[in-house]
N, C-alpha and C. Protein backbone atom coordinates (compact mmCIF):
# COMPACT_ATOMS: atom_id res chain seq x y z
N MET A 1 98.67 90.02 93.97
CA MET A 1 97.86 89.51 92.94
C MET A 1 97.07 90.73 92.05
N CYS A 2 96.92 90.53 90.95
CA CYS A 2 96.16 91.65 89.89
C CYS A 2 94.85 91.52 90.01
N LEU A 3 94.27 92.60 90.02
CA LEU A 3 92.62 92.68 89.88
C LEU A 3 92.28 92.61 88.59
N SER A 4 93.06 93.00 87.78
CA SER A 4 92.50 92.85 86.21
C SER A 4 93.29 91.75 85.45
N LEU A 5 93.16 90.64 86.18
CA LEU A 5 93.66 89.60 85.60
C LEU A 5 92.86 88.96 84.14
N ARG A 6 93.21 88.74 82.99
CA ARG A 6 92.80 88.39 81.89
C ARG A 6 93.11 87.00 81.45
N THR A 7 92.43 85.97 81.61
CA THR A 7 92.84 84.81 81.14
C THR A 7 92.79 84.65 79.48
N LEU A 8 94.22 84.02 79.13
CA LEU A 8 94.44 84.22 77.56
C LEU A 8 94.17 82.44 76.97
N LYS A 9 94.80 81.46 78.04
CA LYS A 9 94.38 80.00 77.74
C LYS A 9 94.23 79.35 79.01
N ARG A 10 93.38 78.21 78.64
CA ARG A 10 92.97 77.18 79.84
C ARG A 10 93.24 76.01 79.39
N THR A 11 93.75 74.97 79.97
CA THR A 11 93.77 73.70 79.75
C THR A 11 93.26 72.92 81.29
N LYS A 12 93.25 71.56 81.01
CA LYS A 12 92.74 70.68 82.14
C LYS A 12 93.61 71.30 83.66
N ASN A 13 94.94 71.42 83.41
CA ASN A 13 95.83 71.55 84.55
C ASN A 13 96.52 72.85 84.62
N GLY A 14 96.17 73.90 83.82
CA GLY A 14 96.87 75.24 83.86
C GLY A 14 96.15 76.32 83.18
N VAL A 15 96.60 77.38 83.61
CA VAL A 15 95.90 78.65 83.01
C VAL A 15 96.94 79.67 82.78
N LEU A 16 96.82 80.37 81.83
CA LEU A 16 98.01 81.43 81.36
C LEU A 16 96.96 82.77 81.25
N SER A 17 97.49 83.80 82.13
CA SER A 17 96.67 84.95 82.40
C SER A 17 97.68 86.14 82.15
N PHE A 18 97.34 87.32 81.94
CA PHE A 18 97.76 88.33 81.78
C PHE A 18 97.08 89.64 82.61
N CYS A 19 98.01 90.41 83.23
CA CYS A 19 97.60 91.51 84.14
C CYS A 19 98.03 92.59 83.42
N ASN A 20 97.06 93.66 83.30
CA ASN A 20 97.01 94.88 82.45
C ASN A 20 97.95 95.97 83.32
N GLN A 21 97.79 95.88 84.43
CA GLN A 21 98.42 96.90 85.42
C GLN A 21 99.95 96.58 85.68
N SER A 22 100.14 95.16 85.91
CA SER A 22 101.55 95.19 86.22
C SER A 22 102.41 94.70 84.91
N LYS A 23 101.42 94.25 83.93
CA LYS A 23 102.25 94.03 82.37
C LYS A 23 103.05 92.44 82.65
N LEU A 24 102.41 91.62 83.46
CA LEU A 24 103.03 90.41 83.80
C LEU A 24 102.26 89.34 83.22
N PHE A 25 102.49 88.29 82.91
CA PHE A 25 101.86 86.96 82.60
C PHE A 25 101.81 85.99 83.76
N GLN A 26 100.93 85.52 83.86
CA GLN A 26 100.98 84.51 85.00
C GLN A 26 100.55 82.89 84.71
N LEU A 27 101.39 82.29 84.80
CA LEU A 27 101.44 80.95 84.23
C LEU A 27 101.20 80.18 85.36
N VAL A 28 100.21 79.42 85.90
CA VAL A 28 99.78 78.51 86.70
C VAL A 28 99.64 76.99 86.03
N PHE A 29 100.44 76.31 86.38
CA PHE A 29 100.30 74.72 85.95
C PHE A 29 100.61 73.89 87.12
N ASN A 30 99.75 72.93 87.33
CA ASN A 30 99.50 72.03 88.24
C ASN A 30 99.73 72.70 89.77
N ASN A 31 100.75 72.46 90.59
CA ASN A 31 101.31 73.15 91.62
C ASN A 31 102.22 74.43 91.43
N LEU A 32 102.75 74.70 90.21
CA LEU A 32 103.49 75.69 90.03
C LEU A 32 102.88 76.89 89.43
N CYS A 33 103.54 78.09 89.98
CA CYS A 33 103.13 79.30 89.44
C CYS A 33 104.02 80.26 88.78
N PHE A 34 104.00 80.81 87.99
CA PHE A 34 105.46 81.66 87.46
C PHE A 34 104.70 82.91 86.87
N GLU A 35 105.50 83.77 87.33
CA GLU A 35 105.01 85.19 86.65
C GLU A 35 106.11 85.67 85.62
N PHE A 36 105.99 86.06 84.50
CA PHE A 36 106.79 86.49 83.42
C PHE A 36 106.47 87.87 83.13
N TYR A 37 107.67 88.43 82.81
CA TYR A 37 107.30 89.74 81.64
C TYR A 37 107.38 89.02 80.26
N GLU A 38 107.07 89.78 79.44
CA GLU A 38 106.84 89.14 77.96
C GLU A 38 107.93 88.66 77.46
N TRP A 39 109.32 89.41 77.65
CA TRP A 39 110.55 88.84 77.05
C TRP A 39 110.83 87.39 77.85
N GLU A 40 110.49 87.39 79.32
CA GLU A 40 110.74 86.19 79.88
C GLU A 40 109.86 84.87 79.57
N LEU A 41 108.46 85.38 79.07
CA LEU A 41 107.71 84.19 78.72
C LEU A 41 108.07 83.70 77.20
N ASP A 42 108.34 84.58 76.50
CA ASP A 42 109.15 84.27 75.09
C ASP A 42 110.42 83.43 75.15
N ALA A 43 111.19 83.64 76.17
CA ALA A 43 112.40 82.76 76.30
C ALA A 43 112.01 81.54 77.02
N PHE A 44 110.98 81.44 77.85
CA PHE A 44 110.26 80.22 78.34
C PHE A 44 109.70 79.29 77.30
N ARG A 45 108.69 79.86 76.36
CA ARG A 45 108.23 79.41 75.48
C ARG A 45 109.20 78.84 74.28
N LYS A 46 110.38 79.45 74.11
CA LYS A 46 111.40 78.87 73.31
C LYS A 46 111.91 77.60 73.74
N HIS A 47 112.38 77.79 75.36
CA HIS A 47 112.99 76.67 75.74
C HIS A 47 111.92 75.25 75.75
N ILE A 48 110.80 75.55 75.94
CA ILE A 48 109.83 74.40 76.22
C ILE A 48 109.59 73.95 74.52
N SER A 49 109.70 74.80 73.46
CA SER A 49 109.28 74.23 72.10
C SER A 49 110.72 73.45 71.70
N GLU A 50 111.74 73.62 72.21
CA GLU A 50 112.76 73.06 71.80
C GLU A 50 113.16 71.74 72.58
N LEU A 51 112.47 71.46 73.98
CA LEU A 51 112.60 70.51 74.71
C LEU A 51 112.46 69.08 73.99
N ASP A 52 113.35 68.08 73.97
CA ASP A 52 113.35 67.12 73.17
C ASP A 52 112.56 65.89 74.12
N THR A 53 111.66 65.67 74.39
CA THR A 53 110.81 64.78 75.34
C THR A 53 111.38 63.44 75.13
N ALA A 54 111.48 62.74 73.95
CA ALA A 54 111.96 61.56 73.59
C ALA A 54 113.32 61.35 74.10
N TYR A 55 114.20 62.03 74.01
CA TYR A 55 115.70 62.17 74.21
C TYR A 55 115.52 61.98 75.99
N TRP A 56 115.05 62.82 76.74
CA TRP A 56 115.03 62.62 78.17
C TRP A 56 114.26 61.32 78.72
N GLU A 57 113.19 60.91 78.03
CA GLU A 57 112.52 59.76 78.39
C GLU A 57 113.49 58.56 78.31
N LYS A 58 114.42 58.57 77.10
CA LYS A 58 115.24 57.58 77.08
C LYS A 58 116.56 57.60 77.86
N MET A 59 117.22 59.06 78.14
CA MET A 59 118.17 59.04 78.87
C MET A 59 118.31 58.86 80.52
N VAL A 60 116.88 59.31 81.07
CA VAL A 60 116.66 59.18 82.10
C VAL A 60 115.73 57.91 82.58
N SER A 61 115.67 57.04 81.82
CA SER A 61 114.84 55.71 82.14
C SER A 61 115.09 55.11 83.31
N TYR A 62 116.39 55.27 83.82
CA TYR A 62 116.50 54.54 85.11
C TYR A 62 116.09 55.06 86.26
N ALA A 63 115.50 56.47 86.24
CA ALA A 63 115.03 57.19 87.33
C ALA A 63 113.85 56.40 87.99
N PRO A 64 113.51 56.40 89.28
CA PRO A 64 112.61 55.71 89.83
C PRO A 64 111.21 56.53 89.80
N THR A 65 111.24 57.60 89.07
CA THR A 65 110.13 58.50 89.21
C THR A 65 109.29 58.47 87.85
N PRO A 66 108.06 58.69 87.67
CA PRO A 66 107.29 58.72 86.47
C PRO A 66 107.86 59.70 85.72
N ARG A 67 108.13 60.98 86.43
CA ARG A 67 108.37 62.12 85.65
C ARG A 67 110.06 62.20 85.23
N LYS A 68 110.40 62.17 84.04
CA LYS A 68 111.76 62.13 83.85
C LYS A 68 112.15 63.43 82.87
N ILE A 69 111.51 64.10 82.42
CA ILE A 69 111.82 65.40 81.68
C ILE A 69 112.26 66.62 82.52
N PRO A 70 113.56 66.92 82.64
CA PRO A 70 113.92 68.16 83.56
C PRO A 70 113.76 69.38 83.04
N ILE A 71 113.24 70.32 83.55
CA ILE A 71 113.03 71.82 83.08
C ILE A 71 113.79 72.70 84.10
N PRO A 72 115.14 73.15 83.75
CA PRO A 72 115.74 73.85 84.91
C PRO A 72 115.06 75.40 84.93
N VAL A 73 115.08 75.84 86.05
CA VAL A 73 114.30 77.20 86.53
C VAL A 73 115.25 77.85 87.27
N GLY A 74 115.97 78.82 86.74
CA GLY A 74 116.74 79.86 87.30
C GLY A 74 117.84 79.11 88.04
N ASN A 75 117.50 79.02 89.55
CA ASN A 75 118.52 78.38 90.06
C ASN A 75 119.16 77.26 89.80
N LYS A 76 120.38 76.80 89.84
CA LYS A 76 120.73 75.68 89.33
C LYS A 76 120.49 74.27 90.33
N CYS A 77 120.13 74.61 91.35
CA CYS A 77 119.65 73.41 92.30
C CYS A 77 118.22 73.20 92.23
N PHE A 78 117.37 73.87 91.41
CA PHE A 78 115.87 73.59 91.25
C PHE A 78 115.30 73.27 89.79
N VAL A 79 114.97 72.06 89.91
CA VAL A 79 114.52 71.49 88.47
C VAL A 79 113.28 71.05 88.60
N ILE A 80 112.41 71.39 87.57
CA ILE A 80 111.06 70.77 87.41
C ILE A 80 110.99 69.58 86.86
N LEU A 81 110.40 68.55 87.24
CA LEU A 81 110.30 67.29 86.46
C LEU A 81 108.84 67.05 85.73
N MET A 82 108.65 66.85 84.72
CA MET A 82 107.50 66.64 84.08
C MET A 82 107.49 65.20 83.22
N ASP A 83 106.28 64.78 83.04
CA ASP A 83 106.20 63.80 81.84
C ASP A 83 105.78 64.05 80.62
N THR A 84 105.78 63.13 79.74
CA THR A 84 105.39 63.57 78.36
C THR A 84 104.22 64.29 78.11
N GLN A 85 103.07 63.95 78.98
CA GLN A 85 101.64 64.38 78.69
C GLN A 85 101.52 65.91 79.31
N GLU A 86 102.30 65.87 80.45
CA GLU A 86 102.27 67.22 80.89
C GLU A 86 103.04 68.42 80.23
N VAL A 87 104.27 67.95 79.49
CA VAL A 87 104.82 68.91 78.41
C VAL A 87 104.00 69.13 77.38
N ILE A 88 103.30 68.14 76.83
CA ILE A 88 102.57 68.50 75.71
C ILE A 88 101.25 69.45 76.28
N GLU A 89 100.65 69.13 77.25
CA GLU A 89 99.79 70.20 77.99
C GLU A 89 100.29 71.48 78.09
N LEU A 90 101.79 71.48 78.56
CA LEU A 90 102.17 72.99 78.72
C LEU A 90 102.48 73.47 77.28
N ARG A 91 102.71 72.87 76.43
CA ARG A 91 102.93 73.49 75.09
C ARG A 91 101.57 73.80 74.77
N MET A 92 100.55 73.18 74.70
CA MET A 92 99.22 73.77 74.29
C MET A 92 98.85 74.91 75.00
N LEU A 93 99.28 75.11 76.33
CA LEU A 93 99.00 76.21 77.07
C LEU A 93 99.60 77.54 76.51
N LEU A 94 101.01 77.19 76.17
CA LEU A 94 101.73 78.30 75.58
C LEU A 94 101.50 78.45 74.34
N GLY A 95 100.62 77.75 73.75
CA GLY A 95 100.08 78.12 72.39
C GLY A 95 101.30 77.77 71.13
N LEU A 96 101.88 76.55 71.65
CA LEU A 96 102.90 75.82 70.90
C LEU A 96 102.39 74.55 70.17
N ASN A 97 101.49 73.87 70.45
CA ASN A 97 100.74 72.88 69.71
C ASN A 97 99.50 73.42 69.31
N LYS A 98 99.43 73.85 68.17
CA LYS A 98 98.22 74.37 67.70
C LYS A 98 97.59 73.39 66.64
N SER A 99 96.58 72.88 67.01
CA SER A 99 96.08 71.87 66.11
C SER A 99 95.18 72.54 65.05
N LYS A 100 95.67 72.30 63.79
CA LYS A 100 95.28 72.95 62.49
C LYS A 100 94.03 72.12 62.08
N VAL A 101 92.98 72.99 61.63
CA VAL A 101 91.81 72.30 60.93
C VAL A 101 91.89 72.57 59.73
N THR A 102 92.01 71.41 58.74
CA THR A 102 92.12 71.32 57.63
C THR A 102 90.83 70.89 56.88
N PHE A 103 90.28 71.71 55.82
CA PHE A 103 88.95 71.28 54.96
C PHE A 103 89.41 70.28 54.00
N LEU A 104 88.64 69.52 53.73
CA LEU A 104 88.62 68.45 52.44
C LEU A 104 88.24 69.27 51.18
N HIS A 105 88.78 68.97 50.27
CA HIS A 105 88.29 69.38 48.91
C HIS A 105 87.33 68.39 48.40
N PRO A 106 86.37 68.66 47.62
CA PRO A 106 85.44 67.66 47.15
C PRO A 106 85.89 66.33 46.71
N TRP A 107 87.02 66.61 45.81
CA TRP A 107 87.56 65.34 45.36
C TRP A 107 88.07 64.61 46.22
N GLU A 108 88.24 64.84 47.56
CA GLU A 108 89.09 64.03 48.66
C GLU A 108 88.17 63.24 49.56
N ILE A 109 86.87 63.61 49.09
CA ILE A 109 85.65 62.72 49.63
C ILE A 109 85.18 61.23 49.10
N ASN A 110 85.34 60.37 49.61
CA ASN A 110 85.05 59.23 48.93
C ASN A 110 83.42 58.80 49.34
N TYR A 111 82.77 59.25 48.49
CA TYR A 111 81.28 59.26 48.70
C TYR A 111 80.59 58.67 47.48
N ARG A 112 79.86 57.74 47.37
CA ARG A 112 78.88 57.58 46.05
C ARG A 112 77.81 58.12 45.87
N HIS A 113 77.75 59.12 45.13
CA HIS A 113 76.35 59.85 45.28
C HIS A 113 75.32 58.88 44.34
N ILE A 114 74.33 58.94 44.53
CA ILE A 114 73.17 57.95 44.05
C ILE A 114 71.96 58.76 43.85
N GLU A 115 71.54 59.32 43.01
CA GLU A 115 70.32 60.12 42.66
C GLU A 115 69.03 59.16 42.62
N ASN A 116 67.99 59.55 43.51
CA ASN A 116 66.81 58.75 43.56
C ASN A 116 65.83 58.93 42.56
């Protein structure tokens, strides 16, 4: 473990941190812990961003488990299963689902102004 671990993002079930000494990113999500170099984290982010959750929910609807979205990890005999909410939270943790704040223009506000 790194002594100079800096937290980059945090959600309810996960933390994304960076270690300056080893130059590794640490992603802890639920009971999973990943350590990535920058190029590995970029590849993982790309894979998670391209994941079609609706497709997997439909294709594996017969599965008896509530988690139906497979995420292959390295070895072909090891697959992580997640549900849609977990994938959404993982995307938020990786900075893929950014909620943009948009400001209204004055003409977009439906307000009747009455001067006293």
